[in-house]
Amino acid sequence: MENYPIINLLHRHGKILAAVLALCVPLGALLLFLTGASWPALPIGTVAGAVVYVLVRSYVELIHIITETLMPR
């Protein structure tokens, strides 16, 4: 897999990447709220963070399936 460095990176660190990206969304919503945005930014940011986690995690699982079945070792 040395020919595919991004796939290798996602295969190794995908779970952590999904969690970090998912936490960035509600933290951004909290920052918006603290700087003057209205209160719905908090629940919207929380729901959006959960959606981001599910989407990135499913992409990482697809990468795992591809690397385990289709990529030569």
PDB file of N, CA and C in Angstrom:
ATOM      1  N   MET A   1       0.808  -1.195   0.000  1.00  0.00           N
ATOM      2  CA  MET A   1       0.000   0.000   0.000  1.00  0.00           C
ATOM      3  C   MET A   1       0.855   1.264   0.000  1.00  0.00           C
ATOM      4  N   GLU A   2       2.122   1.128  -0.195  1.00  0.00           N
ATOM      5  CA  GLU A   2       2.982   2.307  -0.207  1.00  0.00           C
ATOM      6  C   GLU A   2       2.733   3.201  -1.413  1.00  0.00           C
ATOM      7  N   ASN A   3       2.051   2.693  -2.423  1.00  0.00           N
ATOM      8  CA  ASN A   3       1.710   3.515  -3.586  1.00  0.00           C
ATOM      9  C   ASN A   3       0.505   4.416  -3.326  1.00  0.00           C
ATOM     10  N   TYR A   4      -0.222   4.162  -2.252  1.00  0.00           N
ATOM     11  CA  TYR A   4      -1.446   4.897  -1.937  1.00  0.00           C
ATOM     12  C   TYR A   4      -1.348   5.463  -0.521  1.00  0.00           C
ATOM     13  N   PRO A   5      -0.634   6.561  -0.329  1.00  0.00           N
ATOM     14  CA  PRO A   5      -0.393   7.054   1.032  1.00  0.00           C
ATOM     15  C   PRO A   5      -1.651   7.569   1.736  1.00  0.00           C
ATOM     16  N   ILE A   6      -2.578   8.166   1.019  1.00  0.00           N
ATOM     17  CA  ILE A   6      -3.784   8.689   1.662  1.00  0.00           C
ATOM     18  C   ILE A   6      -4.683   7.544   2.117  1.00  0.00           C
ATOM     19  N   ILE A   7      -4.816   6.516   1.300  1.00  0.00           N
ATOM     20  CA  ILE A   7      -5.600   5.352   1.705  1.00  0.00           C
ATOM     21  C   ILE A   7      -4.950   4.678   2.905  1.00  0.00           C
ATOM     22  N   ASN A   8      -3.632   4.601   2.908  1.00  0.00           N
ATOM     23  CA  ASN A   8      -2.915   4.036   4.044  1.00  0.00           C
ATOM     24  C   ASN A   8      -3.163   4.869   5.302  1.00  0.00           C
ATOM     25  N   LEU A   9      -3.129   6.188   5.175  1.00  0.00           N
ATOM     26  CA  LEU A   9      -3.379   7.071   6.311  1.00  0.00           C
ATOM     27  C   LEU A   9      -4.792   6.884   6.848  1.00  0.00           C
ATOM     28  N   LEU A  10      -5.779   6.838   5.960  1.00  0.00           N
ATOM     29  CA  LEU A  10      -7.161   6.639   6.394  1.00  0.00           C
ATOM     30  C   LEU A  10      -7.371   5.256   6.992  1.00  0.00           C
ATOM     31  N   HIS A  11      -6.680   4.263   6.463  1.00  0.00           N
ATOM     32  CA  HIS A  11      -6.804   2.912   6.998  1.00  0.00           C
ATOM     33  C   HIS A  11      -6.254   2.841   8.422  1.00  0.00           C
ATOM     34  N   ARG A  12      -5.158   3.522   8.671  1.00  0.00           N
ATOM     35  CA  ARG A  12      -4.526   3.465   9.994  1.00  0.00           C
ATOM     36  C   ARG A  12      -5.179   4.385  11.013  1.00  0.00           C
ATOM     37  N   HIS A  13      -5.543   5.593  10.609  1.00  0.00           N
ATOM     38  CA  HIS A  13      -5.982   6.608  11.566  1.00  0.00           C
ATOM     39  C   HIS A  13      -7.407   7.096  11.314  1.00  0.00           C
ATOM     40  N   GLY A  14      -8.197   6.332  10.622  1.00  0.00           N
ATOM     41  CA  GLY A  14      -9.533   6.779  10.247  1.00  0.00           C
ATOM     42  C   GLY A  14     -10.477   6.980  11.411  1.00  0.00           C
ATOM     43  N   LYS A  15     -10.416   6.119  12.418  1.00  0.00           N
ATOM     44  CA  LYS A  15     -11.315   6.255  13.567  1.00  0.00           C
ATOM     45  C   LYS A  15     -11.040   7.543  14.330  1.00  0.00           C
ATOM     46  N   ILE A  16      -9.769   7.836  14.526  1.00  0.00           N
ATOM     47  CA  ILE A  16      -9.404   9.065  15.236  1.00  0.00           C
ATOM     48  C   ILE A  16      -9.784  10.291  14.404  1.00  0.00           C
ATOM     49  N   LEU A  17      -9.543  10.215  13.109  1.00  0.00           N
ATOM     50  CA  LEU A  17      -9.886  11.324  12.219  1.00  0.00           C
ATOM     51  C   LEU A  17     -11.385  11.605  12.239  1.00  0.00           C
ATOM     52  N   ALA A  18     -12.198  10.558  12.242  1.00  0.00           N
ATOM     53  CA  ALA A  18     -13.647  10.741  12.284  1.00  0.00           C
ATOM     54  C   ALA A  18     -14.072  11.425  13.577  1.00  0.00           C
ATOM     55  N   ALA A  19     -13.479  11.016  14.690  1.00  0.00           N
ATOM     56  CA  ALA A  19     -13.833  11.624  15.970  1.00  0.00           C
ATOM     57  C   ALA A  19     -13.402  13.086  16.038  1.00  0.00           C
ATOM     58  N   VAL A  20     -12.209  13.376  15.554  1.00  0.00           N
ATOM     59  CA  VAL A  20     -11.713  14.760  15.596  1.00  0.00           C
ATOM     60  C   VAL A  20     -12.560  15.666  14.706  1.00  0.00           C
ATOM     61  N   LEU A  21     -12.869  15.207  13.508  1.00  0.00           N
ATOM     62  CA  LEU A  21     -13.700  16.018  12.611  1.00  0.00           C
ATOM     63  C   LEU A  21     -15.104  16.219  13.178  1.00  0.00           C
ATOM     64  N   ALA A  22     -15.643  15.179  13.819  1.00  0.00           N
ATOM     65  CA  ALA A  22     -16.975  15.295  14.397  1.00  0.00           C
ATOM     66  C   ALA A  22     -16.984  16.252  15.585  1.00  0.00           C
ATOM     67  N   LEU A  23     -15.906  16.319  16.337  1.00  0.00           N
ATOM     68  CA  LEU A  23     -15.846  17.244  17.466  1.00  0.00           C
ATOM     69  C   LEU A  23     -15.639  18.691  17.027  1.00  0.00           C
ATOM     70  N   CYS A  24     -15.067  18.892  15.872  1.00  0.00           N
ATOM     71  CA  CYS A  24     -14.841  20.259  15.377  1.00  0.00           C
ATOM     72  C   CYS A  24     -16.155  20.987  15.111  1.00  0.00           C
ATOM     73  N   VAL A  25     -17.165  20.275  14.681  1.00  0.00           N
ATOM     74  CA  VAL A  25     -18.432  20.924  14.324  1.00  0.00           C
ATOM     75  C   VAL A  25     -19.141  21.492  15.557  1.00  0.00           C
ATOM     76  N   PRO A  26     -19.372  20.714  16.636  1.00  0.00           N
ATOM     77  CA  PRO A  26     -20.020  21.322  17.799  1.00  0.00           C
ATOM     78  C   PRO A  26     -19.146  22.368  18.497  1.00  0.00           C
ATOM     79  N   LEU A  27     -17.826  22.191  18.438  1.00  0.00           N
ATOM     80  CA  LEU A  27     -16.962  23.220  19.014  1.00  0.00           C
ATOM     81  C   LEU A  27     -17.070  24.521  18.223  1.00  0.00           C
ATOM     82  N   GLY A  28     -17.180  24.416  16.919  1.00  0.00           N
ATOM     83  CA  GLY A  28     -17.410  25.605  16.099  1.00  0.00           C
ATOM     84  C   GLY A  28     -18.754  26.252  16.405  1.00  0.00           C
ATOM     85  N   ALA A  29     -19.772  25.427  16.634  1.00  0.00           N
ATOM     86  CA  ALA A  29     -21.085  25.964  16.997  1.00  0.00           C
ATOM     87  C   ALA A  29     -21.029  26.646  18.362  1.00  0.00           C
ATOM     88  N   LEU A  30     -20.276  26.069  19.286  1.00  0.00           N
ATOM     89  CA  LEU A  30     -20.109  26.697  20.596  1.00  0.00           C
ATOM     90  C   LEU A  30     -19.390  28.038  20.467  1.00  0.00           C
ATOM     91  N   LEU A  31     -18.388  28.077  19.619  1.00  0.00           N
ATOM     92  CA  LEU A  31     -17.673  29.329  19.380  1.00  0.00           C
ATOM     93  C   LEU A  31     -18.604  30.378  18.769  1.00  0.00           C
ATOM     94  N   LEU A  32     -19.431  29.961  17.832  1.00  0.00           N
ATOM     95  CA  LEU A  32     -20.413  30.889  17.258  1.00  0.00           C
ATOM     96  C   LEU A  32     -21.369  31.408  18.323  1.00  0.00           C
ATOM     97  N   PHE A  33     -21.825  30.515  19.193  1.00  0.00           N
ATOM     98  CA  PHE A  33     -22.745  30.914  20.255  1.00  0.00           C
ATOM     99  C   PHE A  33     -22.087  31.899  21.211  1.00  0.00           C
ATOM    100  N   LEU A  34     -20.836  31.640  21.562  1.00  0.00           N
ATOM    101  CA  LEU A  34     -20.137  32.524  22.494  1.00  0.00           C
ATOM    102  C   LEU A  34     -19.822  33.884  21.882  1.00  0.00           C
ATOM    103  N   THR A  35     -19.752  33.948  20.568  1.00  0.00           N
ATOM    104  CA  THR A  35     -19.470  35.231  19.918  1.00  0.00           C
ATOM    105  C   THR A  35     -20.735  35.967  19.491  1.00  0.00           C
ATOM    106  N   GLY A  36     -21.895  35.457  19.868  1.00  0.00           N
ATOM    107  CA  GLY A  36     -23.112  36.222  19.636  1.00  0.00           C
ATOM    108  C   GLY A  36     -24.171  35.569  18.784  1.00  0.00           C
ATOM    109  N   ALA A  37     -23.972  34.367  18.317  1.00  0.00           N
ATOM    110  CA  ALA A  37     -25.009  33.701  17.525  1.00  0.00           C
ATOM    111  C   ALA A  37     -26.156  33.281  18.448  1.00  0.00           C
ATOM    112  N   SER A  38     -27.293  33.017  17.881  1.00  0.00           N
ATOM    113  CA  SER A  38     -28.444  32.637  18.696  1.00  0.00           C
ATOM    114  C   SER A  38     -28.295  31.209  19.216  1.00  0.00           C
ATOM    115  N   TRP A  39     -29.119  30.857  20.190  1.00  0.00           N
ATOM    116  CA  TRP A  39     -28.985  29.577  20.882  1.00  0.00           C
ATOM    117  C   TRP A  39     -29.202  28.354  20.001  1.00  0.00           C
ATOM    118  N   PRO A  40     -29.981  28.387  18.904  1.00  0.00           N
ATOM    119  CA  PRO A  40     -30.126  27.173  18.090  1.00  0.00           C
ATOM    120  C   PRO A  40     -28.831  26.681  17.458  1.00  0.00           C
ATOM    121  N   ALA A  41     -27.791  27.495  17.490  1.00  0.00           N
ATOM    122  CA  ALA A  41     -26.508  27.040  16.942  1.00  0.00           C
ATOM    123  C   ALA A  41     -25.981  25.830  17.704  1.00  0.00           C
ATOM    124  N   LEU A  42     -26.270  25.752  19.006  1.00  0.00           N
ATOM    125  CA  LEU A  42     -25.745  24.637  19.806  1.00  0.00           C
ATOM    126  C   LEU A  42     -26.373  23.292  19.436  1.00  0.00           C
ATOM    127  N   PRO A  43     -27.708  23.153  19.430  1.00  0.00           N
ATOM    128  CA  PRO A  43     -28.248  21.844  19.031  1.00  0.00           C
ATOM    129  C   PRO A  43     -28.010  21.513  17.560  1.00  0.00           C
ATOM    130  N   ILE A  44     -28.023  22.528  16.714  1.00  0.00           N
ATOM    131  CA  ILE A  44     -27.748  22.274  15.297  1.00  0.00           C
ATOM    132  C   ILE A  44     -26.317  21.791  15.123  1.00  0.00           C
ATOM    133  N   GLY A  45     -25.385  22.403  15.839  1.00  0.00           N
ATOM    134  CA  GLY A  45     -23.991  21.976  15.778  1.00  0.00           C
ATOM    135  C   GLY A  45     -23.790  20.572  16.307  1.00  0.00           C
ATOM    136  N   THR A  46     -24.530  20.219  17.356  1.00  0.00           N
ATOM    137  CA  THR A  46     -24.423  18.874  17.916  1.00  0.00           C
ATOM    138  C   THR A  46     -24.938  17.824  16.937  1.00  0.00           C
ATOM    139  N   VAL A  47     -26.083  18.088  16.345  1.00  0.00           N
ATOM    140  CA  VAL A  47     -26.645  17.147  15.365  1.00  0.00           C
ATOM    141  C   VAL A  47     -25.743  17.061  14.135  1.00  0.00           C
ATOM    142  N   ALA A  48     -25.242  18.193  13.684  1.00  0.00           N
ATOM    143  CA  ALA A  48     -24.349  18.188  12.521  1.00  0.00           C
ATOM    144  C   ALA A  48     -23.063  17.429  12.823  1.00  0.00           C
ATOM    145  N   GLY A  49     -22.556  17.533  14.047  1.00  0.00           N
ATOM    146  CA  GLY A  49     -21.366  16.777  14.434  1.00  0.00           C
ATOM    147  C   GLY A  49     -21.612  15.280  14.398  1.00  0.00           C
ATOM    148  N   ALA A  50     -22.794  14.861  14.855  1.00  0.00           N
ATOM    149  CA  ALA A  50     -23.132  13.437  14.803  1.00  0.00           C
ATOM    150  C   ALA A  50     -23.240  12.953  13.359  1.00  0.00           C
ATOM    151  N   VAL A  51     -23.822  13.769  12.501  1.00  0.00           N
ATOM    152  CA  VAL A  51     -23.942  13.401  11.085  1.00  0.00           C
ATOM    153  C   VAL A  51     -22.566  13.308  10.437  1.00  0.00           C
ATOM    154  N   VAL A  52     -21.691  14.251  10.749  1.00  0.00           N
ATOM    155  CA  VAL A  52     -20.331  14.213  10.207  1.00  0.00           C
ATOM    156  C   VAL A  52     -19.616  12.956  10.667  1.00  0.00           C
ATOM    157  N   TYR A  53     -19.790  12.578  11.938  1.00  0.00           N
ATOM    158  CA  TYR A  53     -19.136  11.371  12.444  1.00  0.00           C
ATOM    159  C   TYR A  53     -19.607  10.137  11.684  1.00  0.00           C
ATOM    160  N   VAL A  54     -20.904  10.015  11.491  1.00  0.00           N
ATOM    161  CA  VAL A  54     -21.443   8.843  10.793  1.00  0.00           C
ATOM    162  C   VAL A  54     -20.946   8.799   9.348  1.00  0.00           C
ATOM    163  N   LEU A  55     -20.939   9.937   8.674  1.00  0.00           N
ATOM    164  CA  LEU A  55     -20.492   9.959   7.278  1.00  0.00           C
ATOM    165  C   LEU A  55     -19.004   9.631   7.147  1.00  0.00           C
ATOM    166  N   VAL A  56     -18.172  10.235   7.979  1.00  0.00           N
ATOM    167  CA  VAL A  56     -16.730   9.972   7.890  1.00  0.00           C
ATOM    168  C   VAL A  56     -16.431   8.545   8.312  1.00  0.00           C
ATOM    169  N   ARG A  57     -17.116   8.055   9.342  1.00  0.00           N
ATOM    170  CA  ARG A  57     -16.879   6.684   9.804  1.00  0.00           C
ATOM    171  C   ARG A  57     -17.288   5.673   8.736  1.00  0.00           C
ATOM    172  N   SER A  58     -18.375   5.931   8.020  1.00  0.00           N
ATOM    173  CA  SER A  58     -18.775   5.008   6.952  1.00  0.00           C
ATOM    174  C   SER A  58     -17.766   5.042   5.811  1.00  0.00           C
ATOM    175  N   TYR A  59     -17.223   6.212   5.517  1.00  0.00           N
ATOM    176  CA  TYR A  59     -16.184   6.311   4.488  1.00  0.00           C
ATOM    177  C   TYR A  59     -14.947   5.525   4.901  1.00  0.00           C
ATOM    178  N   VAL A  60     -14.576   5.611   6.160  1.00  0.00           N
ATOM    179  CA  VAL A  60     -13.414   4.867   6.658  1.00  0.00           C
ATOM    180  C   VAL A  60     -13.674   3.363   6.579  1.00  0.00           C
ATOM    181  N   GLU A  61     -14.889   2.941   6.881  1.00  0.00           N
ATOM    182  CA  GLU A  61     -15.212   1.519   6.767  1.00  0.00           C
ATOM    183  C   GLU A  61     -15.138   1.057   5.311  1.00  0.00           C
ATOM    184  N   LEU A  62     -15.552   1.899   4.382  1.00  0.00           N
ATOM    185  CA  LEU A  62     -15.403   1.555   2.961  1.00  0.00           C
ATOM    186  C   LEU A  62     -13.934   1.428   2.580  1.00  0.00           C
ATOM    187  N   ILE A  63     -13.094   2.295   3.109  1.00  0.00           N
ATOM    188  CA  ILE A  63     -11.654   2.199   2.866  1.00  0.00           C
ATOM    189  C   ILE A  63     -11.119   0.881   3.410  1.00  0.00           C
ATOM    190  N   HIS A  64     -11.583   0.468   4.590  1.00  0.00           N
ATOM    191  CA  HIS A  64     -11.151  -0.815   5.155  1.00  0.00           C
ATOM    192  C   HIS A  64     -11.557  -1.976   4.252  1.00  0.00           C
ATOM    193  N   ILE A  65     -12.784  -1.941   3.751  1.00  0.00           N
ATOM    194  CA  ILE A  65     -13.249  -3.009   2.866  1.00  0.00           C
ATOM    195  C   ILE A  65     -12.416  -3.043   1.591  1.00  0.00           C
ATOM    196  N   ILE A  66     -12.152  -1.884   1.023  1.00  0.00           N
ATOM    197  CA  ILE A  66     -11.354  -1.826  -0.204  1.00  0.00           C
ATOM    198  C   ILE A  66      -9.954  -2.359   0.034  1.00  0.00           C
ATOM    199  N   THR A  67      -9.325  -1.938   1.118  1.00  0.00           N
ATOM    200  CA  THR A  67      -7.944  -2.363   1.357  1.00  0.00           C
ATOM    201  C   THR A  67      -7.850  -3.843   1.691  1.00  0.00           C
ATOM    202  N   GLU A  68      -8.866  -4.396   2.336  1.00  0.00           N
ATOM    203  CA  GLU A  68      -8.810  -5.809   2.699  1.00  0.00           C
ATOM    204  C   GLU A  68      -9.161  -6.731   1.543  1.00  0.00           C
ATOM    205  N   THR A  69      -9.965  -6.260   0.604  1.00  0.00           N
ATOM    206  CA  THR A  69     -10.406  -7.161  -0.467  1.00  0.00           C
ATOM    207  C   THR A  69      -9.757  -6.889  -1.820  1.00  0.00           C
ATOM    208  N   LEU A  70      -9.522  -5.650  -2.149  1.00  0.00           N
ATOM    209  CA  LEU A  70      -9.090  -5.331  -3.503  1.00  0.00           C
ATOM    210  C   LEU A  70      -7.620  -4.966  -3.644  1.00  0.00           C
ATOM    211  N   MET A  71      -6.999  -4.507  -2.575  1.00  0.00           N
ATOM    212  CA  MET A  71      -5.619  -4.033  -2.679  1.00  0.00           C
ATOM    213  C   MET A  71      -4.647  -5.202  -2.509  1.00  0.00           C
ATOM    214  N   PRO A  72      -3.629  -5.256  -3.334  1.00  0.00           N
ATOM    215  CA  PRO A  72      -2.618  -6.312  -3.152  1.00  0.00           C
ATOM    216  C   PRO A  72      -1.781  -6.040  -1.906  1.00  0.00           C
ATOM    217  N   ARG A  73      -1.330  -7.118  -1.296  1.00  0.00           N
ATOM    218  CA  ARG A  73      -0.518  -6.960  -0.074  1.00  0.00           C
ATOM    219  C   ARG A  73       0.924  -7.175  -0.360  1.00  0.00           C
TER     220      ARG A  73
END
